[in-house]
């Protein structure tokens, strides 16, 4: 055989025969084998079913089954509590006679839901221990007697005693973590750890922000998420002794302390004792930073143990609205207070 003969190009059929079997079959048929789409499958009886439709059908069936599940008395009351206005809460109008059965622990769930709903409508009312105790007492009696009319009347008397004859909403505003630190006059890099946020709220945004910055931080609040700290009343919380590097409270503890002091309430004394417990829980060199200031108690702190500093609010943050509120309320808003333990 000559060299020229060896270089002759093979016909197309010969090239196809030299390829793997699967390519030969495709070449011979001129098209690929049809493959059943993943969303379709053949059932044993030969019918083709669409999985997407089956899932949708199952979802609808599940919804119907869930709707038929029995609802407890607590679920029914909590549903109405969450939808109630402040006036409906304060008057007890959210209570409507119902025949659902009660489950163990329902009383505690309902009492917690009422206090939580009230705190979102009026931040001062829900911080009153006697109000919280009164709610629990009325709910316990309701579940024992099923006397809805009596419970409504009791709630009316309890809430009007704390909120007055014309209850008004006093809700807590939401501030970004960065703005909270600026108002408190704190730098995240200079924060001493561990950090405690007193009154962190139901989102604990400052705690999460500090943790994202690798800071050892936690919060305490009636609505505190379990993964962010402790769900507790700040008047009853165990702050410990000489343990915190920084304690912060932005329009939280000190605002409520001021509110009770201005009312000449017996509860102001409890706030005073808790204030001192917070200061004693600071480590040496630790700081309790808060807004508004407390000019009626800060001068009484022993200078040998504590240093009181005023950190002026940044000029761009001290707006005309803030100035008017400060003048009308007597609150110290143009500066944050830093109490440093010596």
C-alpha atoms as a PDB file:
ATOM      1  CA  UNK A   1       0.000   0.000   0.000  1.00  0.00           C
ATOM      2  CA  UNK A   2       1.341   3.448  -0.956  1.00  0.00           C
ATOM      3  CA  UNK A   3       1.475   6.446   1.307  1.00  0.00           C
ATOM      4  CA  UNK A   4      -1.197   8.182  -0.797  1.00  0.00           C
ATOM      5  CA  UNK A   5      -3.526   5.278  -0.216  1.00  0.00           C
ATOM      6  CA  UNK A   6      -2.989   5.480   3.531  1.00  0.00           C
ATOM      7  CA  UNK A   7      -4.089   9.181   3.653  1.00  0.00           C
ATOM      8  CA  UNK A   8      -7.488   8.696   2.006  1.00  0.00           C
ATOM      9  CA  UNK A   9     -10.255  10.221   4.230  1.00  0.00           C
ATOM     10  CA  UNK A  10     -12.839   7.701   5.431  1.00  0.00           C
ATOM     11  CA  UNK A  11     -16.482   8.127   4.411  1.00  0.00           C
ATOM     12  CA  UNK A  12     -18.910   9.598   7.003  1.00  0.00           C
ATOM     13  CA  UNK A  13     -20.374   6.156   7.748  1.00  0.00           C
ATOM     14  CA  UNK A  14     -16.934   4.801   8.609  1.00  0.00           C
ATOM     15  CA  UNK A  15     -16.286   7.747  10.977  1.00  0.00           C
ATOM     16  CA  UNK A  16     -19.575   7.094  12.753  1.00  0.00           C
ATOM     17  CA  UNK A  17     -18.718   3.390  13.148  1.00  0.00           C
ATOM     18  CA  UNK A  18     -15.493   4.329  14.904  1.00  0.00           C
ATOM     19  CA  UNK A  19     -17.303   6.322  17.614  1.00  0.00           C
ATOM     20  CA  UNK A  20     -18.823   4.889  20.803  1.00  0.00           C
ATOM     21  CA  UNK A  21     -22.080   2.994  20.435  1.00  0.00           C
ATOM     22  CA  UNK A  22     -24.345   5.793  21.792  1.00  0.00           C
ATOM     23  CA  UNK A  23     -23.055   8.232  19.156  1.00  0.00           C
ATOM     24  CA  UNK A  24     -23.545   5.688  16.369  1.00  0.00           C
ATOM     25  CA  UNK A  25     -27.195   5.288  17.391  1.00  0.00           C
ATOM     26  CA  UNK A  26     -27.780   9.030  17.431  1.00  0.00           C
ATOM     27  CA  UNK A  27     -26.054   9.439  14.073  1.00  0.00           C
ATOM     28  CA  UNK A  28     -28.113   6.658  12.532  1.00  0.00           C
ATOM     29  CA  UNK A  29     -31.485   7.910  13.817  1.00  0.00           C
ATOM     30  CA  UNK A  30     -30.788  11.574  13.113  1.00  0.00           C
ATOM     31  CA  UNK A  31     -32.275  12.646  16.489  1.00  0.00           C
ATOM     32  CA  UNK A  32     -31.857  12.031  20.198  1.00  0.00           C
ATOM     33  CA  UNK A  33     -34.087   9.680  22.116  1.00  0.00           C
ATOM     34  CA  UNK A  34     -36.999  11.495  23.765  1.00  0.00           C
ATOM     35  CA  UNK A  35     -36.622  11.635  27.554  1.00  0.00           C
ATOM     36  CA  UNK A  36     -39.631  12.007  29.855  1.00  0.00           C
ATOM     37  CA  UNK A  37     -39.341  15.384  31.700  1.00  0.00           C
ATOM     38  CA  UNK A  38     -38.580  15.111  35.437  1.00  0.00           C
ATOM     39  CA  UNK A  39     -41.868  16.788  36.270  1.00  0.00           C
ATOM     40  CA  UNK A  40     -43.846  13.892  34.765  1.00  0.00           C
ATOM     41  CA  UNK A  41     -43.875  10.288  35.846  1.00  0.00           C
ATOM     42  CA  UNK A  42     -45.884   7.249  34.755  1.00  0.00           C
ATOM     43  CA  UNK A  43     -48.080   5.756  37.462  1.00  0.00           C
ATOM     44  CA  UNK A  44     -48.577   1.964  37.747  1.00  0.00           C
ATOM     45  CA  UNK A  45     -51.871   2.197  35.841  1.00  0.00           C
ATOM     46  CA  UNK A  46     -50.203   3.912  32.896  1.00  0.00           C
ATOM     47  CA  UNK A  47     -51.453   7.438  33.669  1.00  0.00           C
ATOM     48  CA  UNK A  48     -49.052  10.346  33.530  1.00  0.00           C
ATOM     49  CA  UNK A  49     -49.043  12.491  36.670  1.00  0.00           C
ATOM     50  CA  UNK A  50     -47.673  15.997  37.155  1.00  0.00           C
ATOM     51  CA  UNK A  51     -45.795  16.203  40.456  1.00  0.00           C
ATOM     52  CA  UNK A  52     -46.366  19.972  40.652  1.00  0.00           C
ATOM     53  CA  UNK A  53     -50.134  19.516  40.515  1.00  0.00           C
ATOM     54  CA  UNK A  54     -49.944  16.712  43.079  1.00  0.00           C
ATOM     55  CA  UNK A  55     -48.016  18.932  45.514  1.00  0.00           C
ATOM     56  CA  UNK A  56     -50.507  21.762  45.056  1.00  0.00           C
ATOM     57  CA  UNK A  57     -53.354  19.358  45.697  1.00  0.00           C
ATOM     58  CA  UNK A  58     -51.641  18.043  48.833  1.00  0.00           C
ATOM     59  CA  UNK A  59     -51.097  21.615  50.061  1.00  0.00           C
ATOM     60  CA  UNK A  60     -54.782  22.423  49.668  1.00  0.00           C
ATOM     61  CA  UNK A  61     -55.736  19.223  51.470  1.00  0.00           C
ATOM     62  CA  UNK A  62     -53.350  20.019  54.328  1.00  0.00           C
ATOM     63  CA  UNK A  63     -54.839  23.498  54.685  1.00  0.00           C
ATOM     64  CA  UNK A  64     -58.332  22.034  54.958  1.00  0.00           C
ATOM     65  CA  UNK A  65     -57.152  19.514  57.562  1.00  0.00           C
ATOM     66  CA  UNK A  66     -55.442  22.246  59.609  1.00  0.00           C
ATOM     67  CA  UNK A  67     -58.600  24.349  59.488  1.00  0.00           C
ATOM     68  CA  UNK A  68     -60.510  21.434  61.008  1.00  0.00           C
ATOM     69  CA  UNK A  69     -58.099  21.032  63.928  1.00  0.00           C
ATOM     70  CA  UNK A  70     -59.625  22.004  67.279  1.00  0.00           C
ATOM     71  CA  UNK A  71     -58.717  25.501  68.514  1.00  0.00           C
ATOM     72  CA  UNK A  72     -58.148  26.020  72.223  1.00  0.00           C
ATOM     73  CA  UNK A  73     -59.691  28.825  74.231  1.00  0.00           C
ATOM     74  CA  UNK A  74     -56.276  30.478  74.537  1.00  0.00           C
ATOM     75  CA  UNK A  75     -55.799  30.467  70.752  1.00  0.00           C
ATOM     76  CA  UNK A  76     -59.169  32.115  70.281  1.00  0.00           C
ATOM     77  CA  UNK A  77     -58.511  34.856  72.854  1.00  0.00           C
ATOM     78  CA  UNK A  78     -54.934  35.507  71.654  1.00  0.00           C
ATOM     79  CA  UNK A  79     -56.195  35.905  68.090  1.00  0.00           C
ATOM     80  CA  UNK A  80     -58.541  38.671  69.241  1.00  0.00           C
ATOM     81  CA  UNK A  81     -55.915  40.267  71.502  1.00  0.00           C
ATOM     82  CA  UNK A  82     -53.451  40.664  68.631  1.00  0.00           C
ATOM     83  CA  UNK A  83     -56.096  42.326  66.462  1.00  0.00           C
ATOM     84  CA  UNK A  84     -57.387  44.641  69.213  1.00  0.00           C
ATOM     85  CA  UNK A  85     -56.871  48.403  69.377  1.00  0.00           C
ATOM     86  CA  UNK A  86     -55.669  50.083  72.562  1.00  0.00           C
ATOM     87  CA  UNK A  87     -59.246  51.095  73.381  1.00  0.00           C
ATOM     88  CA  UNK A  88     -60.460  47.499  72.931  1.00  0.00           C
ATOM     89  CA  UNK A  89     -57.667  46.223  75.151  1.00  0.00           C
ATOM     90  CA  UNK A  90     -58.224  48.849  77.844  1.00  0.00           C
ATOM     91  CA  UNK A  91     -61.993  48.278  77.938  1.00  0.00           C
ATOM     92  CA  UNK A  92     -61.825  44.485  77.850  1.00  0.00           C
ATOM     93  CA  UNK A  93     -63.892  44.509  74.636  1.00  0.00           C
ATOM     94  CA  UNK A  94     -61.559  41.944  73.085  1.00  0.00           C
ATOM     95  CA  UNK A  95     -63.162  39.266  75.260  1.00  0.00           C
ATOM     96  CA  UNK A  96     -66.061  37.455  73.587  1.00  0.00           C
ATOM     97  CA  UNK A  97     -67.736  34.379  75.129  1.00  0.00           C
ATOM     98  CA  UNK A  98     -66.378  31.172  73.621  1.00  0.00           C
ATOM     99  CA  UNK A  99     -66.855  27.450  74.228  1.00  0.00           C
ATOM    100  CA  UNK A 100     -63.443  26.107  73.226  1.00  0.00           C
ATOM    101  CA  UNK A 101     -61.664  23.803  75.635  1.00  0.00           C
ATOM    102  CA  UNK A 102     -58.668  24.929  77.652  1.00  0.00           C
ATOM    103  CA  UNK A 103     -55.246  23.322  77.484  1.00  0.00           C
ATOM    104  CA  UNK A 104     -52.589  23.176  80.219  1.00  0.00           C
ATOM    105  CA  UNK A 105     -50.629  26.418  80.303  1.00  0.00           C
ATOM    106  CA  UNK A 106     -53.293  28.408  78.417  1.00  0.00           C
ATOM    107  CA  UNK A 107     -53.656  30.933  81.231  1.00  0.00           C
ATOM    108  CA  UNK A 108     -49.971  31.891  81.091  1.00  0.00           C
ATOM    109  CA  UNK A 109     -50.028  32.169  77.279  1.00  0.00           C
ATOM    110  CA  UNK A 110     -53.050  34.477  77.311  1.00  0.00           C
ATOM    111  CA  UNK A 111     -51.649  36.697  80.082  1.00  0.00           C
ATOM    112  CA  UNK A 112     -48.336  37.008  78.218  1.00  0.00           C
ATOM    113  CA  UNK A 113     -50.117  37.869  74.957  1.00  0.00           C
ATOM    114  CA  UNK A 114     -52.188  40.609  76.640  1.00  0.00           C
ATOM    115  CA  UNK A 115     -49.149  42.204  78.300  1.00  0.00           C
ATOM    116  CA  UNK A 116     -47.182  41.975  75.049  1.00  0.00           C
ATOM    117  CA  UNK A 117     -49.986  43.581  73.017  1.00  0.00           C
ATOM    118  CA  UNK A 118     -50.372  46.323  75.605  1.00  0.00           C
ATOM    119  CA  UNK A 119     -46.637  47.060  75.630  1.00  0.00           C
ATOM    120  CA  UNK A 120     -46.761  47.658  71.874  1.00  0.00           C
ATOM    121  CA  UNK A 121     -49.585  50.179  72.359  1.00  0.00           C
ATOM    122  CA  UNK A 122     -48.313  51.886  75.512  1.00  0.00           C
ATOM    123  CA  UNK A 123     -44.713  51.183  76.504  1.00  0.00           C
ATOM    124  CA  UNK A 124     -45.124  52.530  80.053  1.00  0.00           C
ATOM    125  CA  UNK A 125     -48.214  50.584  81.103  1.00  0.00           C
ATOM    126  CA  UNK A 126     -46.750  47.144  80.469  1.00  0.00           C
ATOM    127  CA  UNK A 127     -43.705  47.904  82.643  1.00  0.00           C
ATOM    128  CA  UNK A 128     -45.913  48.223  85.728  1.00  0.00           C
ATOM    129  CA  UNK A 129     -45.472  45.036  87.807  1.00  0.00           C
ATOM    130  CA  UNK A 130     -48.862  45.470  89.485  1.00  0.00           C
ATOM    131  CA  UNK A 131     -50.561  45.700  86.105  1.00  0.00           C
ATOM    132  CA  UNK A 132     -48.868  42.495  84.957  1.00  0.00           C
ATOM    133  CA  UNK A 133     -49.880  40.752  88.167  1.00  0.00           C
ATOM    134  CA  UNK A 134     -53.436  42.010  87.724  1.00  0.00           C
ATOM    135  CA  UNK A 135     -53.629  40.636  84.184  1.00  0.00           C
ATOM    136  CA  UNK A 136     -52.508  37.193  85.370  1.00  0.00           C
ATOM    137  CA  UNK A 137     -55.050  37.222  88.202  1.00  0.00           C
ATOM    138  CA  UNK A 138     -57.958  38.165  85.907  1.00  0.00           C
ATOM    139  CA  UNK A 139     -56.993  35.565  83.290  1.00  0.00           C
ATOM    140  CA  UNK A 140     -56.722  32.818  85.910  1.00  0.00           C
ATOM    141  CA  UNK A 141     -60.195  33.689  87.183  1.00  0.00           C
ATOM    142  CA  UNK A 142     -61.598  33.746  83.635  1.00  0.00           C
ATOM    143  CA  UNK A 143     -60.374  30.245  82.885  1.00  0.00           C
ATOM    144  CA  UNK A 144     -61.713  28.984  86.219  1.00  0.00           C
ATOM    145  CA  UNK A 145     -65.198  30.529  85.916  1.00  0.00           C
ATOM    146  CA  UNK A 146     -65.678  31.234  82.179  1.00  0.00           C
ATOM    147  CA  UNK A 147     -67.302  34.503  83.267  1.00  0.00           C
ATOM    148  CA  UNK A 148     -66.338  36.708  80.304  1.00  0.00           C
ATOM    149  CA  UNK A 149     -68.464  39.662  81.438  1.00  0.00           C
ATOM    150  CA  UNK A 150     -66.723  39.778  84.810  1.00  0.00           C
ATOM    151  CA  UNK A 151     -63.291  39.517  83.176  1.00  0.00           C
ATOM    152  CA  UNK A 152     -64.060  42.377  80.765  1.00  0.00           C
ATOM    153  CA  UNK A 153     -65.178  44.568  83.656  1.00  0.00           C
ATOM    154  CA  UNK A 154     -62.055  43.658  85.637  1.00  0.00           C
ATOM    155  CA  UNK A 155     -59.756  44.545  82.715  1.00  0.00           C
ATOM    156  CA  UNK A 156     -61.576  47.864  82.313  1.00  0.00           C
ATOM    157  CA  UNK A 157     -60.954  48.744  85.965  1.00  0.00           C
ATOM    158  CA  UNK A 158     -57.348  47.537  85.941  1.00  0.00           C
ATOM    159  CA  UNK A 159     -56.240  49.280  82.749  1.00  0.00           C
ATOM    160  CA  UNK A 160     -58.082  52.542  83.401  1.00  0.00           C
ATOM    161  CA  UNK A 161     -56.363  52.682  86.786  1.00  0.00           C
ATOM    162  CA  UNK A 162     -52.992  52.808  85.021  1.00  0.00           C
ATOM    163  CA  UNK A 163     -53.892  54.427  81.689  1.00  0.00           C
ATOM    164  CA  UNK A 164     -56.551  56.904  82.799  1.00  0.00           C
ATOM    165  CA  UNK A 165     -60.031  57.446  81.408  1.00  0.00           C
ATOM    166  CA  UNK A 166     -58.719  58.302  77.930  1.00  0.00           C
ATOM    167  CA  UNK A 167     -55.914  55.837  77.132  1.00  0.00           C
ATOM    168  CA  UNK A 168     -53.474  57.015  74.468  1.00  0.00           C
ATOM    169  CA  UNK A 169     -50.843  55.159  72.520  1.00  0.00           C
ATOM    170  CA  UNK A 170     -47.244  55.734  73.585  1.00  0.00           C
ATOM    171  CA  UNK A 171     -45.219  53.483  71.355  1.00  0.00           C
ATOM    172  CA  UNK A 172     -41.467  52.974  71.291  1.00  0.00           C
ATOM    173  CA  UNK A 173     -39.783  54.202  68.120  1.00  0.00           C
ATOM    174  CA  UNK A 174     -37.318  52.014  66.247  1.00  0.00           C
ATOM    175  CA  UNK A 175     -33.746  53.236  65.816  1.00  0.00           C
ATOM    176  CA  UNK A 176     -30.950  51.645  63.836  1.00  0.00           C
ATOM    177  CA  UNK A 177     -28.080  50.172  65.897  1.00  0.00           C
ATOM    178  CA  UNK A 178     -25.670  52.707  64.426  1.00  0.00           C
ATOM    179  CA  UNK A 179     -27.919  55.614  65.449  1.00  0.00           C
ATOM    180  CA  UNK A 180     -28.390  54.202  68.947  1.00  0.00           C
ATOM    181  CA  UNK A 181     -24.617  54.112  69.454  1.00  0.00           C
ATOM    182  CA  UNK A 182     -24.249  57.670  68.160  1.00  0.00           C
ATOM    183  CA  UNK A 183     -26.955  58.985  70.487  1.00  0.00           C
ATOM    184  CA  UNK A 184     -25.363  57.120  73.395  1.00  0.00           C
ATOM    185  CA  UNK A 185     -21.989  58.625  72.499  1.00  0.00           C
ATOM    186  CA  UNK A 186     -20.326  55.247  72.090  1.00  0.00           C
ATOM    187  CA  UNK A 187     -17.823  53.880  69.590  1.00  0.00           C
ATOM    188  CA  UNK A 188     -18.170  50.217  68.725  1.00  0.00           C
ATOM    189  CA  UNK A 189     -14.396  49.792  68.695  1.00  0.00           C
ATOM    190  CA  UNK A 190     -14.059  51.239  72.203  1.00  0.00           C
ATOM    191  CA  UNK A 191     -16.822  49.154  73.812  1.00  0.00           C
ATOM    192  CA  UNK A 192     -15.627  47.106  76.756  1.00  0.00           C
ATOM    193  CA  UNK A 193     -17.004  43.591  76.867  1.00  0.00           C
ATOM    194  CA  UNK A 194     -19.207  41.917  77.779  1.00  0.00           C
ATOM    195  CA  UNK A 195     -22.031  44.238  76.738  1.00  0.00           C
ATOM    196  CA  UNK A 196     -25.597  44.191  78.088  1.00  0.00           C
ATOM    197  CA  UNK A 197     -28.476  46.021  76.368  1.00  0.00           C
ATOM    198  CA  UNK A 198     -31.196  46.743  78.946  1.00  0.00           C
ATOM    199  CA  UNK A 199     -34.504  46.985  77.078  1.00  0.00           C
ATOM    200  CA  UNK A 200     -33.204  45.469  73.839  1.00  0.00           C
ATOM    201  CA  UNK A 201     -36.711  45.048  72.384  1.00  0.00           C
ATOM    202  CA  UNK A 202     -38.271  42.145  70.526  1.00  0.00           C
ATOM    203  CA  UNK A 203     -35.759  42.330  67.677  1.00  0.00           C
ATOM    204  CA  UNK A 204     -32.609  42.933  69.759  1.00  0.00           C
ATOM    205  CA  UNK A 205     -31.145  44.752  66.761  1.00  0.00           C
ATOM    206  CA  UNK A 206     -28.287  46.363  68.690  1.00  0.00           C
ATOM    207  CA  UNK A 207     -27.295  43.027  70.233  1.00  0.00           C
ATOM    208  CA  UNK A 208     -27.222  41.351  66.825  1.00  0.00           C
ATOM    209  CA  UNK A 209     -25.286  44.267  65.343  1.00  0.00           C
ATOM    210  CA  UNK A 210     -22.631  44.010  68.066  1.00  0.00           C
ATOM    211  CA  UNK A 211     -22.396  40.247  67.703  1.00  0.00           C
ATOM    212  CA  UNK A 212     -21.890  40.641  63.963  1.00  0.00           C
ATOM    213  CA  UNK A 213     -18.932  42.874  64.888  1.00  0.00           C
ATOM    214  CA  UNK A 214     -17.544  40.019  67.038  1.00  0.00           C
ATOM    215  CA  UNK A 215     -18.580  41.635  70.322  1.00  0.00           C
ATOM    216  CA  UNK A 216     -19.728  39.599  73.330  1.00  0.00           C
ATOM    217  CA  UNK A 217     -23.219  41.062  73.751  1.00  0.00           C
ATOM    218  CA  UNK A 218     -26.635  40.045  75.037  1.00  0.00           C
ATOM    219  CA  UNK A 219     -29.916  41.732  75.909  1.00  0.00           C
ATOM    220  CA  UNK A 220     -32.628  41.680  78.545  1.00  0.00           C
ATOM    221  CA  UNK A 221     -36.251  42.588  77.844  1.00  0.00           C
ATOM    222  CA  UNK A 222     -39.755  41.208  78.349  1.00  0.00           C
ATOM    223  CA  UNK A 223     -39.826  40.553  74.602  1.00  0.00           C
ATOM    224  CA  UNK A 224     -36.176  39.539  74.151  1.00  0.00           C
ATOM    225  CA  UNK A 225     -35.659  36.761  71.559  1.00  0.00           C
ATOM    226  CA  UNK A 226     -34.308  33.607  73.278  1.00  0.00           C
ATOM    227  CA  UNK A 227     -31.211  33.527  71.077  1.00  0.00           C
ATOM    228  CA  UNK A 228     -30.282  37.136  71.918  1.00  0.00           C
ATOM    229  CA  UNK A 229     -30.425  37.152  75.702  1.00  0.00           C
ATOM    230  CA  UNK A 230     -32.868  36.888  78.588  1.00  0.00           C
ATOM    231  CA  UNK A 231     -36.615  37.415  78.532  1.00  0.00           C
ATOM    232  CA  UNK A 232     -37.169  39.099  81.888  1.00  0.00           C
ATOM    233  CA  UNK A 233     -38.428  42.174  83.727  1.00  0.00           C
ATOM    234  CA  UNK A 234     -35.516  44.591  84.110  1.00  0.00           C
ATOM    235  CA  UNK A 235     -36.619  45.341  87.676  1.00  0.00           C
ATOM    236  CA  UNK A 236     -36.316  41.675  88.653  1.00  0.00           C
ATOM    237  CA  UNK A 237     -33.336  40.687  86.495  1.00  0.00           C
ATOM    238  CA  UNK A 238     -30.184  39.386  88.174  1.00  0.00           C
ATOM    239  CA  UNK A 239     -27.452  41.657  86.787  1.00  0.00           C
ATOM    240  CA  UNK A 240     -24.731  39.960  88.811  1.00  0.00           C
ATOM    241  CA  UNK A 241     -21.781  41.696  90.408  1.00  0.00           C
ATOM    242  CA  UNK A 242     -18.751  43.381  88.819  1.00  0.00           C
ATOM    243  CA  UNK A 243     -19.182  41.499  85.518  1.00  0.00           C
ATOM    244  CA  UNK A 244     -20.212  43.872  82.694  1.00  0.00           C
ATOM    245  CA  UNK A 245     -17.785  45.961  80.677  1.00  0.00           C
ATOM    246  CA  UNK A 246     -20.588  48.089  79.182  1.00  0.00           C
ATOM    247  CA  UNK A 247     -24.305  48.359  79.909  1.00  0.00           C
ATOM    248  CA  UNK A 248     -26.444  50.402  77.524  1.00  0.00           C
ATOM    249  CA  UNK A 249     -30.070  51.527  77.542  1.00  0.00           C
ATOM    250  CA  UNK A 250     -31.297  53.759  74.739  1.00  0.00           C
ATOM    251  CA  UNK A 251     -34.616  55.406  75.654  1.00  0.00           C
ATOM    252  CA  UNK A 252     -35.312  52.416  77.844  1.00  0.00           C
ATOM    253  CA  UNK A 253     -34.607  51.960  81.542  1.00  0.00           C
ATOM    254  CA  UNK A 254     -33.841  55.604  82.340  1.00  0.00           C
ATOM    255  CA  UNK A 255     -36.900  56.829  80.385  1.00  0.00           C
ATOM    256  CA  UNK A 256     -39.167  54.586  82.461  1.00  0.00           C
ATOM    257  CA  UNK A 257     -37.336  55.570  85.647  1.00  0.00           C
ATOM    258  CA  UNK A 258     -37.951  59.233  84.794  1.00  0.00           C
ATOM    259  CA  UNK A 259     -41.618  58.491  84.035  1.00  0.00           C
ATOM    260  CA  UNK A 260     -42.153  56.924  87.467  1.00  0.00           C
ATOM    261  CA  UNK A 261     -40.268  59.727  89.223  1.00  0.00           C
ATOM    262  CA  UNK A 262     -42.376  62.409  87.526  1.00  0.00           C
ATOM    263  CA  UNK A 263     -45.530  60.578  88.678  1.00  0.00           C
ATOM    264  CA  UNK A 264     -44.148  60.359  92.241  1.00  0.00           C
ATOM    265  CA  UNK A 265     -44.955  56.670  91.969  1.00  0.00           C
ATOM    266  CA  UNK A 266     -44.016  54.087  94.582  1.00  0.00           C
ATOM    267  CA  UNK A 267     -42.396  52.210  91.701  1.00  0.00           C
ATOM    268  CA  UNK A 268     -39.772  54.961  91.390  1.00  0.00           C
ATOM    269  CA  UNK A 269     -38.153  53.571  94.531  1.00  0.00           C
ATOM    270  CA  UNK A 270     -37.870  50.134  92.883  1.00  0.00           C
ATOM    271  CA  UNK A 271     -36.256  51.774  89.866  1.00  0.00           C
ATOM    272  CA  UNK A 272     -33.796  53.518  92.155  1.00  0.00           C
ATOM    273  CA  UNK A 273     -32.759  50.238  93.764  1.00  0.00           C
ATOM    274  CA  UNK A 274     -32.424  48.570  90.367  1.00  0.00           C
ATOM    275  CA  UNK A 275     -30.350  51.505  89.091  1.00  0.00           C
ATOM    276  CA  UNK A 276     -27.845  50.922  91.892  1.00  0.00           C
ATOM    277  CA  UNK A 277     -27.823  47.166  91.222  1.00  0.00           C
ATOM    278  CA  UNK A 278     -26.980  47.900  87.578  1.00  0.00           C
ATOM    279  CA  UNK A 279     -24.086  50.138  88.617  1.00  0.00           C
ATOM    280  CA  UNK A 280     -22.745  47.512  91.022  1.00  0.00           C
ATOM    281  CA  UNK A 281     -22.868  44.930  88.235  1.00  0.00           C
ATOM    282  CA  UNK A 282     -20.241  46.915  86.287  1.00  0.00           C
ATOM    283  CA  UNK A 283     -16.667  45.702  86.329  1.00  0.00           C
ATOM    284  CA  UNK A 284     -13.991  48.201  87.369  1.00  0.00           C
ATOM    285  CA  UNK A 285     -13.752  50.781  84.598  1.00  0.00           C
ATOM    286  CA  UNK A 286     -17.095  49.604  83.176  1.00  0.00           C
ATOM    287  CA  UNK A 287     -19.680  52.081  81.865  1.00  0.00           C
ATOM    288  CA  UNK A 288     -23.454  52.378  82.107  1.00  0.00           C
ATOM    289  CA  UNK A 289     -24.474  54.546  79.120  1.00  0.00           C
ATOM    290  CA  UNK A 290     -28.070  55.734  78.837  1.00  0.00           C
ATOM    291  CA  UNK A 291     -30.448  58.355  77.439  1.00  0.00           C
ATOM    292  CA  UNK A 292     -32.246  60.318  78.843  1.00  0.00           C
ATOM    293  CA  UNK A 293     -30.160  61.424  81.807  1.00  0.00           C
ATOM    294  CA  UNK A 294     -31.360  61.199  85.403  1.00  0.00           C
ATOM    295  CA  UNK A 295     -30.471  64.531  87.044  1.00  0.00           C
ATOM    296  CA  UNK A 296     -32.428  63.745  90.203  1.00  0.00           C
ATOM    297  CA  UNK A 297     -30.213  60.796  91.185  1.00  0.00           C
ATOM    298  CA  UNK A 298     -26.857  61.194  89.414  1.00  0.00           C
ATOM    299  CA  UNK A 299     -25.569  63.941  91.799  1.00  0.00           C
ATOM    300  CA  UNK A 300     -26.202  61.560  94.710  1.00  0.00           C
ATOM    301  CA  UNK A 301     -23.756  58.907  93.446  1.00  0.00           C
ATOM    302  CA  UNK A 302     -20.641  58.628  95.632  1.00  0.00           C
ATOM    303  CA  UNK A 303     -17.779  60.207  93.617  1.00  0.00           C
ATOM    304  CA  UNK A 304     -15.296  57.787  95.136  1.00  0.00           C
ATOM    305  CA  UNK A 305     -17.114  54.902  93.441  1.00  0.00           C
ATOM    306  CA  UNK A 306     -18.575  56.407  90.274  1.00  0.00           C
ATOM    307  CA  UNK A 307     -17.715  59.100  87.756  1.00  0.00           C
ATOM    308  CA  UNK A 308     -20.619  60.772  85.926  1.00  0.00           C
ATOM    309  CA  UNK A 309     -19.893  62.074  82.426  1.00  0.00           C
ATOM    310  CA  UNK A 310     -22.059  63.966  79.960  1.00  0.00           C
ATOM    311  CA  UNK A 311     -21.546  63.164  76.285  1.00  0.00           C
ATOM    312  CA  UNK A 312     -23.190  65.883  74.135  1.00  0.00           C
ATOM    313  CA  UNK A 313     -25.474  64.765  71.346  1.00  0.00           C
ATOM    314  CA  UNK A 314     -24.035  65.366  67.888  1.00  0.00           C
ATOM    315  CA  UNK A 315     -25.251  68.726  66.586  1.00  0.00           C
ATOM    316  CA  UNK A 316     -26.962  67.222  63.550  1.00  0.00           C
ATOM    317  CA  UNK A 317     -28.971  64.886  65.819  1.00  0.00           C
ATOM    318  CA  UNK A 318     -30.199  67.595  68.191  1.00  0.00           C
ATOM    319  CA  UNK A 319     -33.049  68.782  65.987  1.00  0.00           C
ATOM    320  CA  UNK A 320     -35.749  71.331  66.769  1.00  0.00           C
ATOM    321  CA  UNK A 321     -38.168  68.497  67.553  1.00  0.00           C
ATOM    322  CA  UNK A 322     -35.765  67.044  70.105  1.00  0.00           C
ATOM    323  CA  UNK A 323     -35.311  70.491  71.662  1.00  0.00           C
ATOM    324  CA  UNK A 324     -39.089  70.979  71.958  1.00  0.00           C
ATOM    325  CA  UNK A 325     -39.550  67.564  73.576  1.00  0.00           C
ATOM    326  CA  UNK A 326     -36.749  68.314  76.027  1.00  0.00           C
ATOM    327  CA  UNK A 327     -38.306  71.643  76.970  1.00  0.00           C
ATOM    328  CA  UNK A 328     -41.802  70.196  77.339  1.00  0.00           C
ATOM    329  CA  UNK A 329     -40.827  67.148  79.372  1.00  0.00           C
ATOM    330  CA  UNK A 330     -37.766  68.240  81.308  1.00  0.00           C
ATOM    331  CA  UNK A 331     -35.902  65.201  79.996  1.00  0.00           C
ATOM    332  CA  UNK A 332     -32.157  65.566  79.470  1.00  0.00           C
ATOM    333  CA  UNK A 333     -31.910  64.758  75.766  1.00  0.00           C
ATOM    334  CA  UNK A 334     -29.065  66.958  74.552  1.00  0.00           C
ATOM    335  CA  UNK A 335     -26.518  64.597  76.092  1.00  0.00           C
ATOM    336  CA  UNK A 336     -26.080  60.952  77.014  1.00  0.00           C
ATOM    337  CA  UNK A 337     -24.972  59.977  80.509  1.00  0.00           C
ATOM    338  CA  UNK A 338     -21.985  57.711  81.094  1.00  0.00           C
ATOM    339  CA  UNK A 339     -21.583  56.439  84.643  1.00  0.00           C
ATOM    340  CA  UNK A 340     -18.156  54.823  85.001  1.00  0.00           C
ATOM    341  CA  UNK A 341     -17.332  52.579  87.915  1.00  0.00           C
ATOM    342  CA  UNK A 342     -13.988  53.476  89.487  1.00  0.00           C
END
